[in-house]
Protein backbone atom coordinates (compact mmCIF):
# COMPACT_ATOMS: atom_id res chain seq x y z
CA UNK A 1 -33.42 8.91 2.02
CA UNK A 2 -34.02 5.36 1.30
CA UNK A 3 -32.98 3.99 -2.35
CA UNK A 4 -36.14 3.60 -3.96
CA UNK A 5 -36.44 0.05 -5.13
CA UNK A 6 -38.29 -1.75 -8.01
CA UNK A 7 -37.67 -5.92 -8.97
CA UNK A 8 -39.00 -6.99 -12.35
CA UNK A 9 -40.43 -10.45 -11.37
CA UNK A 10 -42.19 -12.38 -8.99
CA UNK A 11 -41.82 -15.27 -9.03
CA UNK A 12 -39.71 -18.01 -6.40
CA UNK A 13 -36.72 -15.57 -6.44
CA UNK A 14 -38.44 -12.31 -6.86
CA UNK A 15 -41.29 -13.05 -4.11
CA UNK A 16 -39.33 -15.40 -1.62
CA UNK A 17 -35.81 -13.32 -1.60
CA UNK A 18 -35.63 -10.32 -3.55
CA UNK A 19 -39.11 -8.97 -2.09
CA UNK A 20 -38.56 -10.14 1.32
CA UNK A 21 -35.01 -8.69 1.74
CA UNK A 22 -35.54 -5.49 0.21
CA UNK A 23 -37.74 -5.55 3.29
CA UNK A 24 -35.31 -5.84 5.91
CA UNK A 25 -32.65 -4.21 4.19
CA UNK A 26 -33.45 -0.32 6.19
CA UNK A 27 -31.72 1.56 3.95
CA UNK A 28 -33.94 0.27 0.71
CA UNK A 29 -37.57 0.93 0.00
CA UNK A 30 -39.88 -1.22 -1.67
CA UNK A 31 -41.14 1.25 -4.30
CA UNK A 32 -42.86 -1.49 -7.31
CA UNK A 33 -42.37 -4.46 -8.66
CA UNK A 34 -43.21 -5.80 -12.28
CA UNK A 35 -44.96 -8.65 -13.79
CA UNK A 36 -46.54 -9.14 -17.10
CA UNK A 37 -49.56 -11.09 -15.58
CA UNK A 38 -52.79 -9.83 -14.40
CA UNK A 39 -53.68 -11.87 -11.12
CA UNK A 40 -49.69 -11.77 -10.14
CA UNK A 41 -49.96 -8.09 -10.50
CA UNK A 42 -53.15 -8.24 -8.30
CA UNK A 43 -51.15 -10.39 -5.47
CA UNK A 44 -48.02 -7.60 -5.84
CA UNK A 45 -50.59 -5.04 -4.73
CA UNK A 46 -52.47 -7.29 -2.04
CA UNK A 47 -49.20 -8.48 -0.40
CA UNK A 48 -46.72 -6.08 -1.10
CA UNK A 49 -48.32 -3.10 -0.70
CA UNK A 50 -46.85 -1.39 -3.47
CA UNK A 51 -47.14 -0.64 -7.49
CA UNK A 52 -47.38 -3.17 -10.19
CA UNK A 53 -45.99 -2.63 -12.94
CA UNK A 54 -47.38 -4.35 -16.26
CA UNK A 55 -43.91 -4.36 -17.75
CA UNK A 56 -39.77 -4.18 -17.13
CA UNK A 57 -40.38 -0.88 -19.28
CA UNK A 58 -42.53 0.45 -16.76
CA UNK A 59 -40.74 0.39 -13.95
CA UNK A 60 -37.34 1.42 -16.53
CA UNK A 61 -39.74 4.61 -16.82
CA UNK A 62 -40.76 5.40 -13.24
CA UNK A 63 -38.92 8.30 -11.88
CA UNK A 64 -39.18 7.55 -7.92
CA UNK A 65 -37.25 4.65 -8.61
CA UNK A 66 -33.66 4.34 -8.13
CA UNK A 67 -32.38 0.70 -8.19
CA UNK A 68 -34.11 -2.38 -10.08
CA UNK A 69 -33.21 -5.20 -8.88
CA UNK A 70 -33.87 -8.46 -12.10
CA UNK A 71 -35.19 -11.41 -10.02
CA UNK A 72 -35.86 -12.88 -13.70
């Protein structure tokens, strides 16, 4: 199956490049995005329909994640 991917950071690069490109890649599936900011996590859930981790550590600890992209 696809490589289950999480992104650390949802600033300009995380949103505009990494999340967008993961969504286009047939071999990747966006599982979640980490942000320490609560409002940003709400935006992640709304805009990306994926998990919103409250820390990078939470993304690293998720057993469903195969690949992490650092966008910080």
